[in-house]
Amino acid sequence: MPRLYRVLVPVKDIDQAQSFYEAVLEIEGSRVSPGRHNFDCDGTILACYDPIADGEARTPKPNPEDIFIAVSDLAAAYARCEAGGATFLKRQVDGLSLGEIELRTSGERSFYARDPFGNHICFVDEDTIATDA
C-alpha cells in the first residue's frame, strides 16, 4: 500500500522557517542540509526547503493548496501561529470565516492560515478529523 512520507514546504529563509515551525508544531525537527529542515509529524515528514540555501538557482514559490495538520489543542496552535507571524485567511466560504476557529460543514473544527512564506496551512482539531471530506 502506498504511504505518504514527505511534504515539501518551500521557504525563502530556512532559519526563519525552522523557528516558525518549531514553535507552531512544538517539535524541534532536524537540519538535513543547508536548505532543508525536517519535522516528523507522526511518520510524515514536513520538509521546509530553501532551494537557494541548498545551492539551487531558483526562487521558491509557496504551495498554492492547503497542508492539513491535526493538533490536540486547536486554540493553542492558533495562538502559536499568531505569535509566529502567520497571516489568517479572512475569506468567507459557505458562510464561515476561514481565518477563525470554526466548525466546518465536514464536521472538522479548524482554522486556515498562511505561514510567513505564503504557504497555505490548515490546523484541525484531531478529535474532529473527517477522512471522507
Protein backbone atom coordinates (compact mmCIF):
# COMPACT_ATOMS: atom_id res chain seq x y z
CA MET A 1 0.00 0.00 0.00
CA PRO A 2 1.38 3.49 -0.84
CA ARG A 3 2.29 5.73 2.07
CA LEU A 4 2.74 9.50 2.08
CA TYR A 5 6.08 10.10 3.78
CA ARG A 6 7.16 13.69 2.94
CA VAL A 7 5.51 17.03 2.18
CA LEU A 8 7.77 19.79 0.86
CA VAL A 9 7.13 23.33 2.11
CA PRO A 10 9.04 25.92 0.04
CA VAL A 11 10.59 28.74 2.09
CA LYS A 12 12.86 31.73 1.44
CA ASP A 13 14.68 31.63 4.79
CA ILE A 14 15.41 28.22 6.30
CA ASP A 15 16.31 29.60 9.73
CA GLN A 16 13.07 31.58 9.95
CA ALA A 17 11.14 28.51 8.75
CA GLN A 18 12.82 26.37 11.40
CA SER A 19 11.87 28.86 14.13
CA PHE A 20 8.29 29.22 12.90
CA TYR A 21 7.55 25.52 12.53
CA GLU A 22 9.36 24.53 15.74
CA ALA A 23 7.15 26.97 17.65
CA VAL A 24 3.93 26.11 15.83
CA LEU A 25 4.40 22.32 15.83
CA GLU A 26 6.12 22.22 19.23
CA ILE A 27 8.84 19.86 17.93
CA GLU A 28 12.48 20.51 17.06
CA GLY A 29 12.98 18.69 13.80
CA SER A 30 16.40 18.26 12.25
CA ARG A 31 18.56 20.11 9.71
CA VAL A 32 19.40 17.68 6.92
CA SER A 33 21.16 20.12 4.55
CA PRO A 34 21.90 23.86 4.45
CA GLY A 35 18.47 24.45 2.93
CA ARG A 36 16.29 21.69 4.40
CA HIS A 37 14.85 21.23 7.87
CA ASN A 38 12.61 18.21 8.51
CA PHE A 39 9.84 17.81 11.08
CA ASP A 40 8.50 14.31 11.78
CA CYS A 41 4.73 14.69 12.03
CA ASP A 42 3.75 11.20 13.19
CA GLY A 43 5.51 9.43 10.33
CA THR A 44 5.06 12.04 7.60
CA ILE A 45 7.93 14.48 7.22
CA LEU A 46 7.10 18.16 6.82
CA ALA A 47 10.24 19.32 4.99
CA CYS A 48 10.93 23.05 4.92
CA TYR A 49 13.06 23.64 1.85
CA ASP A 50 15.02 26.73 0.79
CA PRO A 51 16.46 25.89 -2.65
CA ILE A 52 18.78 28.93 -2.68
CA ALA A 53 20.38 27.87 0.62
CA ASP A 54 20.91 24.44 -0.94
CA GLY A 55 22.71 25.97 -3.93
CA GLU A 56 19.88 25.87 -6.47
CA ALA A 57 19.34 28.85 -8.75
CA ARG A 58 15.59 29.07 -8.33
CA THR A 59 13.30 31.11 -6.15
CA PRO A 60 10.86 29.11 -4.02
CA LYS A 61 7.15 29.61 -4.65
CA PRO A 62 4.62 28.90 -1.89
CA ASN A 63 2.36 25.88 -2.10
CA PRO A 64 -0.95 27.05 -3.56
CA GLU A 65 -3.05 24.43 -1.76
CA ASP A 66 -3.56 23.73 1.93
CA ILE A 67 -1.49 21.37 4.03
CA PHE A 68 -3.67 19.96 6.81
CA ILE A 69 -2.13 19.40 10.25
CA ALA A 70 -4.03 17.71 13.08
CA VAL A 71 -3.38 19.00 16.59
CA SER A 72 -4.71 18.18 20.04
CA ASP A 73 -5.19 21.82 21.15
CA LEU A 74 -6.51 23.97 18.31
CA ALA A 75 -6.68 27.22 20.31
CA ALA A 76 -3.04 26.84 21.38
CA ALA A 77 -1.99 26.15 17.76
CA TYR A 78 -3.85 29.31 16.68
CA ALA A 79 -2.01 31.35 19.33
CA ARG A 80 1.36 29.89 18.28
CA CYS A 81 0.64 30.69 14.62
CA GLU A 82 -0.33 34.23 15.51
CA ALA A 83 2.80 34.71 17.64
CA GLY A 84 4.98 33.27 14.87
CA GLY A 85 3.79 35.70 12.21
CA ALA A 86 1.23 33.64 10.32
CA THR A 87 -1.48 35.53 8.48
CA PHE A 88 -5.03 34.34 8.82
CA LEU A 89 -7.26 33.97 5.80
CA LYS A 90 -10.35 36.10 6.26
CA ARG A 91 -12.31 34.94 3.22
CA GLN A 92 -15.80 33.51 3.55
CA VAL A 93 -16.71 30.03 2.35
CA ASP A 94 -20.19 28.66 2.98
CA GLY A 95 -20.78 31.47 5.47
CA LEU A 96 -17.70 30.62 7.55
CA SER A 97 -14.68 32.84 8.08
CA LEU A 98 -11.64 30.69 7.25
CA GLY A 99 -9.26 32.70 9.44
CA GLU A 100 -11.11 31.85 12.62
CA ILE A 101 -11.57 28.60 14.51
CA GLU A 102 -14.84 27.29 13.19
CA LEU A 103 -16.81 24.08 12.89
CA ARG A 104 -16.78 23.29 9.16
CA THR A 105 -19.57 21.63 7.21
CA SER A 106 -17.37 18.49 7.16
CA GLY A 107 -17.58 18.37 10.96
CA GLU A 108 -13.97 19.45 11.44
CA ARG A 109 -13.01 22.24 13.84
CA SER A 110 -10.21 24.13 12.14
CA PHE A 111 -8.61 27.38 11.03
CA TYR A 112 -6.77 28.36 7.86
CA ALA A 113 -3.64 30.50 7.70
CA ARG A 114 -0.53 31.19 5.66
CA ASP A 115 2.95 30.69 7.07
CA PRO A 116 5.42 33.61 6.80
CA PHE A 117 6.36 32.37 3.29
CA GLY A 118 2.81 32.28 1.90
CA ASN A 119 2.24 28.52 2.20
CA HIS A 120 -1.36 27.60 2.93
CA ILE A 121 -1.78 25.66 6.17
CA CYS A 122 -4.87 24.42 7.96
CA PHE A 123 -4.89 23.21 11.54
CA VAL A 124 -7.60 20.75 12.53
CA ASP A 125 -8.69 19.52 15.96
CA GLU A 126 -7.51 15.90 15.91
CA ASP A 127 -10.78 14.73 17.53
CA THR A 128 -12.82 16.07 14.58
CA ILE A 129 -10.82 14.82 11.56
CA ALA A 130 -13.16 13.92 8.70
CA THR A 131 -11.45 11.40 6.41
CA ASP A 132 -14.31 11.37 3.92
CA ALA A 133 -14.40 15.16 3.38
